[in-house]
Amino acid sequence: MNDLNKVLLSGNLVRDPEFRDVAGGLQVCGLRIAVNRRYADRQGAKKEEVSFIDVEYFVGGSDDAAQTGRLHKGAPVFIEGRLKLDQWDDKQSGQRRFKVKVVGERVLPLAGVPRDREASPELLPAAARPGEAPPPPPAADSATPPRPAVTAGRVEAFSGRRRVA
């Protein structure tokens, strides 16, 4: 039987990304997101449940959204990754501790208002940019090469609309 460990999450960042250096000159970005679940109880009353989830991913390059300011507290994100179980012995009590977190393979900022519109107008949909018409579709014989395919650990812009229940 084949094993499967895949997680898809959509939520809002609870705090700004936190970076730390690891061996080999790499950086790990730590995120914490809030994922809301809306439902109706047996009496029909609307309820909301919030889950806070820790996410870590390896920073992929200079165009990472986290490094360029696209990821910030309150920003909506989509995360694709896998579950990982961390285990350690508590130094104070000596007890064995466990924590489940998500290791992000792809982190996509969802369309939203950037922290600084002046610095990041390209993050807004073309129709929402003040005084700017939507860009024409690219020509088939364009000299600009297409963007590279999605790679693990990279952060990319995603302008999909978020469905709200």
Protein backbone atom coordinates (compact mmCIF):
# COMPACT_ATOMS: atom_id res chain seq x y z
CA MET A 1 0.00 0.00 0.00
CA ASN A 2 1.25 3.50 -0.83
CA ASP A 3 1.49 6.09 1.92
CA LEU A 4 0.20 9.61 1.48
CA ASN A 5 1.12 12.67 3.51
CA LYS A 6 -0.36 15.79 1.88
CA VAL A 7 -1.86 18.88 3.52
CA LEU A 8 -3.71 21.77 1.84
CA LEU A 9 -4.48 24.81 3.99
CA SER A 10 -5.92 28.25 3.41
CA GLY A 11 -5.89 30.82 6.19
CA ASN A 12 -4.47 34.09 7.49
CA LEU A 13 -1.03 34.68 8.98
CA VAL A 14 -1.19 35.27 12.73
CA ARG A 15 2.23 36.97 12.83
CA ASP A 16 4.99 38.12 10.50
CA PRO A 17 7.29 35.38 9.12
CA GLU A 18 10.23 34.45 11.36
CA PHE A 19 13.50 33.47 9.69
CA ARG A 20 16.33 31.40 11.11
CA ASP A 21 19.54 30.12 9.55
CA VAL A 22 20.24 26.40 9.39
CA ALA A 23 23.26 24.34 8.33
CA GLY A 24 24.38 24.68 4.74
CA GLY A 25 23.56 28.37 4.42
CA LEU A 26 19.81 27.78 4.12
CA GLN A 27 17.05 29.70 5.84
CA VAL A 28 13.88 28.29 7.36
CA CYS A 29 10.81 30.50 7.51
CA GLY A 30 8.39 29.89 10.37
CA LEU A 31 4.74 30.82 9.89
CA ARG A 32 1.67 30.49 12.08
CA ILE A 33 -1.72 30.58 10.38
CA ALA A 34 -5.29 30.70 11.59
CA VAL A 35 -7.74 28.48 9.74
CA ASN A 36 -11.44 29.16 10.36
CA ARG A 37 -14.14 26.51 10.15
CA ARG A 38 -17.69 27.79 9.90
CA TYR A 39 -20.59 25.44 10.54
CA ALA A 40 -24.12 25.25 11.92
CA ASP A 41 -24.83 23.29 15.11
CA ARG A 42 -27.83 20.97 15.53
CA GLN A 43 -30.08 23.90 16.45
CA GLY A 44 -29.02 25.78 13.30
CA ALA A 45 -26.95 28.40 15.12
CA LYS A 46 -23.88 29.50 13.16
CA LYS A 47 -20.59 28.63 14.86
CA GLU A 48 -16.95 29.28 14.08
CA GLU A 49 -13.94 27.25 15.16
CA VAL A 50 -10.38 28.55 14.76
CA SER A 51 -7.31 26.31 14.48
CA PHE A 52 -3.80 27.73 14.80
CA ILE A 53 -1.25 25.80 12.75
CA ASP A 54 2.54 26.11 12.72
CA VAL A 55 4.20 25.92 9.30
CA GLU A 56 7.87 25.89 8.34
CA TYR A 57 9.44 25.93 4.91
CA PHE A 58 12.87 26.35 3.41
CA VAL A 59 13.34 29.72 1.74
CA GLY A 60 13.94 29.20 -1.96
CA GLY A 61 15.45 32.36 -3.38
CA SER A 62 15.66 36.12 -3.56
CA ASP A 63 12.17 36.47 -5.04
CA ASP A 64 10.52 34.74 -2.09
CA ALA A 65 7.30 36.45 -1.13
CA ALA A 66 8.24 36.37 2.55
CA GLN A 67 11.47 38.23 1.90
CA THR A 68 9.88 40.82 -0.39
CA GLY A 69 7.14 41.63 2.12
CA ARG A 70 4.22 39.85 0.49
CA LEU A 71 3.75 37.72 3.59
CA HIS A 72 2.88 39.66 6.71
CA LYS A 73 0.56 39.44 9.68
CA GLY A 74 -3.05 39.19 8.51
CA ALA A 75 -2.19 38.22 4.92
CA PRO A 76 -4.25 35.38 3.41
CA VAL A 77 -2.15 32.41 2.24
CA PHE A 78 -2.54 29.00 0.65
CA ILE A 79 -0.12 26.32 1.84
CA GLU A 80 0.60 22.93 0.34
CA GLY A 81 2.82 20.63 2.36
CA ARG A 82 3.11 17.59 4.56
CA LEU A 83 2.71 16.77 8.25
CA LYS A 84 5.76 16.26 10.45
CA LEU A 85 5.95 15.07 14.05
CA ASP A 86 8.63 16.66 16.25
CA GLN A 87 9.64 14.86 19.46
CA TRP A 88 11.87 16.05 22.29
CA ASP A 89 12.51 15.67 26.01
CA ASP A 90 11.42 18.64 28.11
CA LYS A 91 14.49 19.92 29.96
CA GLN A 92 12.49 21.13 32.97
CA SER A 93 10.17 18.19 33.57
CA GLY A 94 12.03 15.42 31.73
CA GLN A 95 8.79 14.39 29.98
CA ARG A 96 8.60 13.42 26.33
CA ARG A 97 6.93 16.17 24.24
CA PHE A 98 5.32 15.98 20.80
CA LYS A 99 4.22 18.59 18.28
CA VAL A 100 2.67 18.17 14.84
CA LYS A 101 3.45 20.86 12.29
CA VAL A 102 3.21 21.38 8.55
CA VAL A 103 6.33 21.48 6.40
CA GLY A 104 5.39 23.77 3.53
CA GLU A 105 6.34 22.69 0.03
CA ARG A 106 4.49 25.58 -1.60
CA VAL A 107 3.33 28.82 0.02
CA LEU A 108 1.15 31.11 -2.10
CA PRO A 109 0.04 34.57 -0.99
CA LEU A 110 -3.63 34.93 -1.87
CA ALA A 111 -5.02 38.11 -3.39
CA GLY A 112 -5.39 40.71 -0.70
CA VAL A 113 -4.37 44.20 0.19
CA PRO A 114 -0.60 44.34 0.64
CA ARG A 115 0.86 46.01 3.72
CA ASP A 116 2.24 48.87 1.63
CA ARG A 117 0.30 49.55 -1.58
CA GLU A 118 2.94 51.98 -2.81
CA ALA A 119 5.67 49.36 -2.57
CA SER A 120 3.67 46.41 -3.94
CA PRO A 121 1.00 47.56 -6.43
CA GLU A 122 1.60 44.47 -8.58
CA LEU A 123 -0.08 42.38 -5.90
CA LEU A 124 -3.41 44.08 -6.46
CA PRO A 125 -5.69 42.86 -9.26
CA ALA A 126 -5.28 45.05 -12.35
CA ALA A 127 -8.83 46.39 -12.01
CA ALA A 128 -8.08 47.54 -8.44
CA ARG A 129 -4.93 49.48 -9.30
CA PRO A 130 -5.68 53.19 -9.30
CA GLY A 131 -5.44 54.83 -12.74
CA GLU A 132 -4.30 51.67 -14.47
CA ALA A 133 -6.04 49.64 -17.17
CA PRO A 134 -5.80 45.84 -17.15
CA PRO A 135 -2.69 44.64 -19.03
CA PRO A 136 -3.22 43.12 -22.48
CA PRO A 137 -2.81 39.35 -22.76
CA PRO A 138 0.73 38.30 -23.70
CA ALA A 139 1.39 37.66 -27.38
CA ALA A 140 2.02 34.08 -28.42
CA ASP A 141 5.39 35.03 -29.92
CA SER A 142 6.47 37.02 -26.86
CA ALA A 143 10.22 37.21 -26.27
CA THR A 144 9.67 36.88 -22.52
CA PRO A 145 10.16 33.25 -21.46
CA PRO A 146 7.41 31.70 -19.32
CA ARG A 147 7.91 31.56 -15.55
CA PRO A 148 9.54 28.38 -14.30
CA ALA A 149 7.37 25.59 -12.96
CA VAL A 150 6.49 25.45 -9.28
CA THR A 151 9.26 24.00 -7.14
CA ALA A 152 9.15 22.75 -3.57
CA GLY A 153 9.87 25.33 -0.91
CA ARG A 154 9.17 28.33 -3.14
CA VAL A 155 6.72 31.10 -2.43
CA GLU A 156 4.73 32.36 -5.40
CA ALA A 157 2.01 34.90 -5.99
CA PHE A 158 -1.50 33.53 -6.44
CA SER A 159 -4.34 35.81 -7.41
CA GLY A 160 -7.21 33.33 -6.99
CA ARG A 161 -10.29 34.55 -5.22
CA ARG A 162 -10.98 33.22 -1.77
CA ARG A 163 -14.44 31.77 -1.28
CA VAL A 164 -16.17 32.99 1.84
CA ALA A 165 -19.06 31.00 3.27
